[in-house]
Amino acid sequence: MSLHPDTVWRAADGRLWSLAALGPVSGDDASIAGRDEAASPFTSWPERNGQQTLDALLEVLRAHGIEADLAAYASQVRFARETAGIEVGGERIDTSRESQSLITGAHALALAEPDEPIDFKSSSGWIVIDSAAMILIALAVARHVRACFRAERAVAAAIAAGTITTRAEIDAAFAG
C-alpha cells in the first residue's frame, strides 16, 4: 500500500504533518486550508509505546521508502554543496572528497617546495601554477568546506530549536 501524496497526519494535540511538504504544517498552511475532511480526512498520527511521536511517524514513512529526517536532508544538501566545486582565479576547482585530498597534498608540497611549479588539473584542464597560487586554491577550498559545515551546523541547531521545519527552509539556509 502506498501513501497518497496529499496525506496529512494529525496528532491528538493538533500537530499536523504533510507528506507533500515533507514536514510539519500549520492549520492555515495553503496545502491544508479549505481541506474538505469528509472527502479527504486527516490520517491519525501513528503511535509508538502509546505516544504520538515524530519518530513513530518517520518510521511509517521509512517503511514506504520516504526519508523525511530533516537533519539527514541537511547533511545531504551540505554534501552536495561541499562537493559541487568552486571558482578560484577564473579556474573551476573540483571539490569532491578525492579532489580535496589531492589539493591538501599539493598544498603541503607547495609549502615544502615553494620554488617548484605545480602541474594542476582544474575542472577546465591542465594549468601550471606557482606555490602561492596553489596555497590560494587550497585555502579557498578549505574555507569553502568550512563554510558548508558551518551552514549545516547552524541548520541542525535551527532544526533542533524548531525554527527550521521544512526542506524548503533548509534549501534557503544553504542558498544564502
Protein backbone atom coordinates (compact mmCIF):
# COMPACT_ATOMS: atom_id res chain seq x y z
CA MET A 1 0.00 0.00 0.00
CA SER A 2 1.44 3.37 -0.96
CA LEU A 3 0.76 6.73 0.62
CA HIS A 4 -1.29 9.33 -1.22
CA PRO A 5 0.81 12.47 -1.87
CA ASP A 6 -1.80 14.62 -0.10
CA THR A 7 -1.66 12.59 3.12
CA VAL A 8 -1.69 14.74 6.25
CA TRP A 9 -1.33 13.24 9.71
CA ARG A 10 -2.98 14.86 12.70
CA ALA A 11 -1.90 14.15 16.28
CA ALA A 12 -4.28 14.33 19.22
CA ASP A 13 -2.53 17.53 20.35
CA GLY A 14 -3.29 19.21 17.00
CA ARG A 15 0.10 18.79 15.32
CA LEU A 16 -0.11 18.35 11.55
CA TRP A 17 2.49 16.76 9.28
CA SER A 18 2.13 16.85 5.48
CA LEU A 19 3.61 14.34 3.08
CA ALA A 20 3.51 16.98 0.32
CA ALA A 21 5.60 19.36 2.44
CA LEU A 22 7.66 16.54 3.96
CA GLY A 23 7.30 18.26 7.28
CA PRO A 24 5.05 19.88 9.82
CA VAL A 25 2.43 22.36 8.66
CA SER A 26 0.05 24.70 10.43
CA GLY A 27 -3.71 24.60 10.06
CA ASP A 28 -3.61 27.71 7.87
CA ASP A 29 -0.98 26.27 5.50
CA ALA A 30 -2.08 26.55 1.87
CA SER A 31 -1.97 22.76 1.49
CA ILE A 32 -4.35 22.37 4.47
CA ALA A 33 -6.59 25.45 4.36
CA GLY A 34 -10.02 24.70 2.98
CA ARG A 35 -9.45 20.95 3.14
CA ASP A 36 -12.70 19.02 2.99
CA GLU A 37 -12.22 16.49 5.77
CA ALA A 38 -15.21 14.46 4.61
CA ALA A 39 -13.64 13.95 1.18
CA SER A 40 -10.02 13.89 2.36
CA PRO A 41 -9.77 13.10 6.06
CA PHE A 42 -6.60 13.56 8.08
CA THR A 43 -4.72 10.38 8.88
CA SER A 44 -4.27 9.59 12.54
CA TRP A 45 -0.70 10.17 13.72
CA PRO A 46 0.97 6.80 14.39
CA GLU A 47 1.92 5.81 17.92
CA ARG A 48 4.91 4.16 19.49
CA ASN A 49 4.51 2.90 23.05
CA GLY A 50 1.23 4.78 23.28
CA GLN A 51 2.79 8.12 22.28
CA GLN A 52 2.29 10.04 19.03
CA THR A 53 5.93 10.87 18.34
CA LEU A 54 7.78 12.18 15.33
CA ASP A 55 9.90 9.01 15.40
CA ALA A 56 6.73 6.90 15.05
CA LEU A 57 5.71 8.94 12.01
CA LEU A 58 9.20 8.80 10.47
CA GLU A 59 9.15 5.01 10.92
CA VAL A 60 5.92 4.81 8.87
CA LEU A 61 7.46 7.00 6.17
CA ARG A 62 10.66 4.92 6.04
CA ALA A 63 8.53 1.79 5.65
CA HIS A 64 7.21 3.43 2.46
CA GLY A 65 10.70 4.39 1.26
CA ILE A 66 10.36 8.04 2.24
CA GLU A 67 13.22 9.73 4.11
CA ALA A 68 11.87 12.77 5.89
CA ASP A 69 14.53 13.25 8.54
CA LEU A 70 15.39 16.94 8.23
CA ALA A 71 18.86 16.56 9.76
CA ALA A 72 19.71 13.84 7.23
CA TYR A 73 18.38 16.04 4.44
CA ALA A 74 20.51 18.95 5.68
CA SER A 75 23.54 16.68 5.60
CA GLN A 76 22.74 15.67 2.01
CA VAL A 77 22.39 19.32 0.98
CA ARG A 78 25.68 20.22 2.68
CA PHE A 79 27.49 17.36 0.96
CA ALA A 80 26.10 18.32 -2.44
CA ARG A 81 27.15 21.93 -1.92
CA GLU A 82 30.54 20.96 -0.48
CA THR A 83 31.40 18.77 -3.47
CA ALA A 84 29.87 20.95 -6.22
CA GLY A 85 33.11 22.80 -6.91
CA ILE A 86 34.14 26.45 -6.69
CA GLU A 87 35.79 29.04 -8.88
CA VAL A 88 39.21 30.39 -7.90
CA GLY A 89 41.02 32.93 -10.04
CA GLY A 90 38.93 32.13 -13.09
CA GLU A 91 39.51 28.37 -12.81
CA ARG A 92 36.79 25.89 -11.87
CA ILE A 93 38.10 23.76 -8.99
CA ASP A 94 36.66 20.33 -8.23
CA THR A 95 35.79 19.98 -4.54
CA SER A 96 34.89 16.29 -4.49
CA ARG A 97 36.31 14.45 -1.50
CA GLU A 98 39.03 12.94 -3.69
CA SER A 99 39.97 16.36 -5.08
CA GLN A 100 40.02 17.86 -1.58
CA SER A 101 42.56 15.20 -0.60
CA LEU A 102 44.74 15.86 -3.66
CA ILE A 103 44.59 19.60 -3.06
CA THR A 104 45.67 19.07 0.56
CA GLY A 105 48.68 17.12 -0.70
CA ALA A 106 49.53 19.78 -3.28
CA HIS A 107 49.25 22.42 -0.54
CA ALA A 108 51.76 20.51 1.59
CA LEU A 109 54.06 20.24 -1.43
CA ALA A 110 53.76 23.97 -2.11
CA LEU A 111 54.81 24.69 1.47
CA ALA A 112 57.71 22.19 1.36
CA GLU A 113 58.98 23.21 -2.08
CA PRO A 114 57.90 26.82 -2.62
CA ASP A 115 60.14 27.38 -5.67
CA GLU A 116 58.80 24.42 -7.69
CA PRO A 117 55.86 24.93 -10.08
CA ILE A 118 52.89 22.60 -9.68
CA ASP A 119 51.11 20.83 -12.53
CA PHE A 120 47.46 21.06 -11.53
CA LYS A 121 44.39 19.76 -13.30
CA SER A 122 41.44 22.07 -12.75
CA SER A 123 37.93 21.27 -13.95
CA SER A 124 38.73 23.21 -17.13
CA GLY A 125 42.03 21.44 -17.83
CA TRP A 126 45.75 21.43 -17.02
CA ILE A 127 47.42 24.50 -15.60
CA VAL A 128 50.90 25.11 -14.24
CA ILE A 129 50.84 27.25 -11.12
CA ASP A 130 53.33 28.50 -8.59
CA SER A 131 53.23 27.62 -4.92
CA ALA A 132 51.49 30.86 -3.97
CA ALA A 133 48.60 30.09 -6.35
CA MET A 134 48.38 26.51 -5.04
CA ILE A 135 48.17 27.81 -1.49
CA LEU A 136 45.39 30.22 -2.53
CA ILE A 137 43.46 27.36 -4.15
CA ALA A 138 43.90 25.12 -1.11
CA LEU A 139 42.79 27.85 1.27
CA ALA A 140 39.78 28.68 -0.91
CA VAL A 141 38.72 25.02 -0.95
CA ALA A 142 39.27 24.65 2.81
CA ARG A 143 37.27 27.81 3.50
CA HIS A 144 34.50 26.60 1.20
CA VAL A 145 34.31 23.25 3.02
CA ARG A 146 34.37 25.00 6.40
CA ALA A 147 31.52 27.30 5.33
CA CYS A 148 29.44 24.30 4.21
CA PHE A 149 29.89 22.55 7.57
CA ARG A 150 29.17 25.77 9.47
CA ALA A 151 25.96 26.16 7.50
CA GLU A 152 24.95 22.58 8.28
CA ARG A 153 25.69 23.10 11.96
CA ALA A 154 23.52 26.24 12.02
CA VAL A 155 20.74 24.41 10.19
CA ALA A 156 20.95 21.47 12.61
CA ALA A 157 20.65 23.87 15.55
CA ALA A 158 17.65 25.55 13.92
CA ILE A 159 16.02 22.16 13.29
CA ALA A 160 16.55 21.24 16.94
CA ALA A 161 15.12 24.61 18.03
CA GLY A 162 12.11 24.16 15.75
CA THR A 163 12.82 27.27 13.68
CA ILE A 164 13.56 25.22 10.55
CA THR A 165 10.80 22.72 9.91
CA THR A 166 10.80 22.11 6.14
CA ARG A 167 13.13 21.09 3.35
CA ALA A 168 12.45 24.43 1.64
CA GLU A 169 13.79 26.26 4.70
CA ILE A 170 16.90 24.06 4.64
CA ASP A 171 17.42 24.82 0.94
CA ALA A 172 17.02 28.54 1.63
CA ALA A 173 19.52 28.39 4.50
CA PHE A 174 22.16 26.83 2.24
CA ALA A 175 21.40 29.18 -0.67
CA GLY A 176 22.45 32.27 1.31
